[in-house]
Amino acid sequence: MRQFAYNEASYFLIRLLQQFSSFSLALDAQPPDSLPPAQWKGKKGPQGRDRISLGAHLTMYVRGGLWVRMENTDN
C-alpha cells in the first residue's frame, strides 16, 4: 500500500510540474524569521549563497516553507 501511495504522489508531482515553465523563489512572500541570518551575507561558501534556512527534526525541512512563483506553460 505504501508503494502505491509513493507512486501516486510521484505521478501527481510530475503532472503538476509539467504545467509550469519556470519556478523562482518568492523571497518577498517568505516569513522573515525563515530567512538565513543577515551576518551570513557575503560569506564564502554555502552560507553566502543560501537564500533559505534549513531545519532538522527527524527529517530536514525548509524553515517557514519554500515559497515559489510558477509560470504556466503555453500548452
N, C-alpha and C. Protein backbone atom coordinates (compact mmCIF):
# COMPACT_ATOMS: atom_id res chain seq x y z
N MET A 1 0.82 -1.19 0.00
CA MET A 1 0.00 0.00 0.00
C MET A 1 0.88 1.27 0.00
N ARG A 2 1.98 1.23 0.74
CA ARG A 2 2.86 2.38 0.81
C ARG A 2 3.47 2.68 -0.57
N GLN A 3 3.85 1.63 -1.29
CA GLN A 3 4.43 1.82 -2.62
C GLN A 3 3.43 2.47 -3.56
N PHE A 4 2.17 2.08 -3.46
CA PHE A 4 1.13 2.67 -4.29
C PHE A 4 1.01 4.17 -3.96
N ALA A 5 1.06 4.53 -2.69
CA ALA A 5 0.98 5.94 -2.29
C ALA A 5 2.17 6.73 -2.84
N TYR A 6 3.36 6.15 -2.78
CA TYR A 6 4.54 6.82 -3.35
C TYR A 6 4.38 7.04 -4.85
N ASN A 7 3.89 6.02 -5.55
CA ASN A 7 3.68 6.13 -6.99
C ASN A 7 2.66 7.21 -7.32
N GLU A 8 1.57 7.25 -6.58
CA GLU A 8 0.54 8.26 -6.82
C GLU A 8 1.06 9.67 -6.55
N ALA A 9 1.81 9.83 -5.46
CA ALA A 9 2.38 11.15 -5.13
C ALA A 9 3.37 11.58 -6.19
N SER A 10 4.19 10.65 -6.67
CA SER A 10 5.17 10.96 -7.71
C SER A 10 4.46 11.38 -9.01
N TYR A 11 3.43 10.64 -9.38
CA TYR A 11 2.69 10.96 -10.59
C TYR A 11 2.06 12.34 -10.48
N PHE A 12 1.43 12.63 -9.35
CA PHE A 12 0.81 13.93 -9.13
C PHE A 12 1.84 15.05 -9.23
N LEU A 13 2.98 14.88 -8.58
CA LEU A 13 4.01 15.92 -8.59
C LEU A 13 4.56 16.15 -10.00
N ILE A 14 4.80 15.09 -10.74
CA ILE A 14 5.31 15.23 -12.10
C ILE A 14 4.30 15.94 -12.98
N ARG A 15 3.03 15.56 -12.90
CA ARG A 15 2.00 16.21 -13.70
C ARG A 15 1.86 17.69 -13.32
N LEU A 16 1.98 18.01 -12.05
CA LEU A 16 1.91 19.40 -11.61
C LEU A 16 3.08 20.19 -12.18
N LEU A 17 4.29 19.65 -12.07
CA LEU A 17 5.47 20.35 -12.57
C LEU A 17 5.44 20.54 -14.07
N GLN A 18 4.79 19.64 -14.80
CA GLN A 18 4.70 19.76 -16.25
C GLN A 18 3.83 20.94 -16.68
N GLN A 19 3.02 21.46 -15.78
CA GLN A 19 2.12 22.56 -16.12
C GLN A 19 2.80 23.93 -16.06
N PHE A 20 4.03 23.97 -15.58
CA PHE A 20 4.71 25.25 -15.40
C PHE A 20 6.03 25.27 -16.15
N SER A 21 6.37 26.44 -16.69
CA SER A 21 7.61 26.55 -17.47
C SER A 21 8.77 27.06 -16.63
N SER A 22 8.47 27.76 -15.53
CA SER A 22 9.57 28.23 -14.69
C SER A 22 9.14 28.33 -13.24
N PHE A 23 10.12 28.23 -12.37
CA PHE A 23 9.92 28.33 -10.93
C PHE A 23 10.98 29.28 -10.39
N SER A 24 10.59 30.13 -9.45
CA SER A 24 11.57 31.01 -8.82
C SER A 24 11.18 31.20 -7.36
N LEU A 25 12.17 31.44 -6.52
CA LEU A 25 11.89 31.70 -5.11
C LEU A 25 11.15 33.02 -4.97
N ALA A 26 10.15 33.04 -4.12
CA ALA A 26 9.39 34.26 -3.83
C ALA A 26 9.84 34.76 -2.46
N LEU A 27 11.03 35.34 -2.43
CA LEU A 27 11.61 35.76 -1.15
C LEU A 27 10.75 36.82 -0.45
N ASP A 28 10.01 37.62 -1.20
CA ASP A 28 9.16 38.64 -0.58
C ASP A 28 7.96 38.03 0.13
N ALA A 29 7.62 36.77 -0.17
CA ALA A 29 6.49 36.10 0.48
C ALA A 29 6.93 35.26 1.67
N GLN A 30 8.23 35.00 1.80
CA GLN A 30 8.73 34.18 2.89
C GLN A 30 8.64 34.90 4.21
N PRO A 31 8.26 34.19 5.30
CA PRO A 31 8.29 34.82 6.61
C PRO A 31 9.71 35.26 6.96
N PRO A 32 9.89 36.46 7.51
CA PRO A 32 11.25 36.97 7.79
C PRO A 32 12.07 36.06 8.70
N ASP A 33 11.44 35.36 9.64
CA ASP A 33 12.20 34.50 10.55
C ASP A 33 12.68 33.22 9.87
N SER A 34 12.25 32.97 8.63
CA SER A 34 12.70 31.77 7.93
C SER A 34 13.90 32.04 7.02
N LEU A 35 14.28 33.31 6.88
CA LEU A 35 15.43 33.67 6.04
C LEU A 35 16.74 33.41 6.79
N PRO A 36 17.83 33.15 6.06
CA PRO A 36 19.12 32.96 6.73
C PRO A 36 19.52 34.22 7.50
N PRO A 37 20.34 34.08 8.55
CA PRO A 37 20.79 35.24 9.32
C PRO A 37 21.50 36.27 8.44
N ALA A 38 21.31 37.54 8.73
CA ALA A 38 21.90 38.62 7.93
C ALA A 38 23.43 38.56 7.93
N GLN A 39 24.04 38.06 9.01
CA GLN A 39 25.50 38.01 9.08
C GLN A 39 26.09 36.98 8.12
N TRP A 40 25.29 36.13 7.51
CA TRP A 40 25.78 35.17 6.52
C TRP A 40 26.05 35.85 5.19
N LYS A 41 25.40 36.97 4.93
CA LYS A 41 25.52 37.64 3.63
C LYS A 41 26.99 38.00 3.35
N GLY A 42 27.45 37.66 2.16
CA GLY A 42 28.81 38.00 1.75
C GLY A 42 29.86 37.00 2.19
N LYS A 43 29.50 36.00 2.99
CA LYS A 43 30.48 34.99 3.40
C LYS A 43 30.80 34.08 2.23
N LYS A 44 31.97 33.44 2.29
CA LYS A 44 32.35 32.46 1.28
C LYS A 44 31.62 31.16 1.55
N GLY A 45 31.44 30.39 0.50
CA GLY A 45 30.83 29.08 0.63
C GLY A 45 29.31 29.13 0.64
N PRO A 46 28.69 28.03 1.06
CA PRO A 46 27.23 27.93 1.00
C PRO A 46 26.50 29.01 1.81
N GLN A 47 27.06 29.39 2.96
CA GLN A 47 26.38 30.39 3.77
C GLN A 47 26.16 31.69 3.00
N GLY A 48 27.11 32.11 2.22
CA GLY A 48 26.99 33.34 1.46
C GLY A 48 25.99 33.25 0.32
N ARG A 49 25.70 32.01 -0.14
CA ARG A 49 24.77 31.80 -1.25
C ARG A 49 23.37 31.43 -0.80
N ASP A 50 23.23 30.93 0.41
CA ASP A 50 21.93 30.44 0.88
C ASP A 50 20.87 31.53 0.88
N ARG A 51 19.69 31.17 0.38
CA ARG A 51 18.56 32.10 0.40
C ARG A 51 17.41 31.52 1.20
N ILE A 52 17.59 30.30 1.72
CA ILE A 52 16.61 29.67 2.60
C ILE A 52 17.35 29.17 3.83
N SER A 53 16.61 28.89 4.88
CA SER A 53 17.20 28.38 6.11
C SER A 53 16.64 26.99 6.37
N LEU A 54 17.52 26.01 6.51
CA LEU A 54 17.09 24.64 6.73
C LEU A 54 16.96 24.35 8.21
N GLY A 55 16.08 23.44 8.54
CA GLY A 55 15.92 22.98 9.90
C GLY A 55 15.99 21.46 9.90
N ALA A 56 16.14 20.89 11.07
CA ALA A 56 16.18 19.43 11.18
C ALA A 56 15.39 18.99 12.40
N HIS A 57 14.64 17.95 12.20
CA HIS A 57 13.91 17.30 13.28
C HIS A 57 14.18 15.82 13.08
N LEU A 58 13.23 15.06 12.67
CA LEU A 58 13.51 13.69 12.23
C LEU A 58 13.97 13.69 10.79
N THR A 59 13.51 14.69 10.05
CA THR A 59 13.94 14.87 8.66
C THR A 59 14.33 16.33 8.47
N MET A 60 15.00 16.63 7.37
CA MET A 60 15.37 18.01 7.07
C MET A 60 14.19 18.69 6.39
N TYR A 61 14.01 19.97 6.66
CA TYR A 61 12.92 20.73 6.07
C TYR A 61 13.36 22.18 5.88
N VAL A 62 12.59 22.93 5.11
CA VAL A 62 12.86 24.35 4.90
C VAL A 62 12.04 25.12 5.93
N ARG A 63 12.72 25.86 6.79
CA ARG A 63 12.03 26.65 7.81
C ARG A 63 11.09 27.65 7.15
N GLY A 64 9.85 27.70 7.60
CA GLY A 64 8.89 28.65 7.06
C GLY A 64 8.32 28.25 5.71
N GLY A 65 8.68 27.08 5.20
CA GLY A 65 8.18 26.63 3.91
C GLY A 65 9.05 27.14 2.77
N LEU A 66 8.80 26.63 1.60
CA LEU A 66 9.53 27.03 0.40
C LEU A 66 8.54 27.76 -0.51
N TRP A 67 8.61 29.06 -0.52
CA TRP A 67 7.69 29.90 -1.26
C TRP A 67 8.23 30.10 -2.67
N VAL A 68 7.43 29.72 -3.66
CA VAL A 68 7.88 29.82 -5.05
C VAL A 68 6.83 30.52 -5.90
N ARG A 69 7.27 31.06 -7.02
CA ARG A 69 6.38 31.58 -8.07
C ARG A 69 6.53 30.67 -9.27
N MET A 70 5.40 30.38 -9.90
CA MET A 70 5.42 29.49 -11.05
C MET A 70 4.73 30.17 -12.22
N GLU A 71 5.25 29.95 -13.43
CA GLU A 71 4.64 30.48 -14.64
C GLU A 71 4.06 29.34 -15.45
N ASN A 72 2.84 29.52 -15.93
CA ASN A 72 2.18 28.48 -16.74
C ASN A 72 2.92 28.24 -18.04
N THR A 73 2.86 27.00 -18.50
CA THR A 73 3.39 26.70 -19.82
C THR A 73 2.39 27.20 -20.85
N ASP A 74 2.78 27.27 -22.08
CA ASP A 74 1.89 27.74 -23.16
C ASP A 74 1.20 26.58 -23.87
N ASN A 75 0.77 25.57 -23.10
CA ASN A 75 0.08 24.41 -23.72
C ASN A 75 -1.37 24.70 -23.96
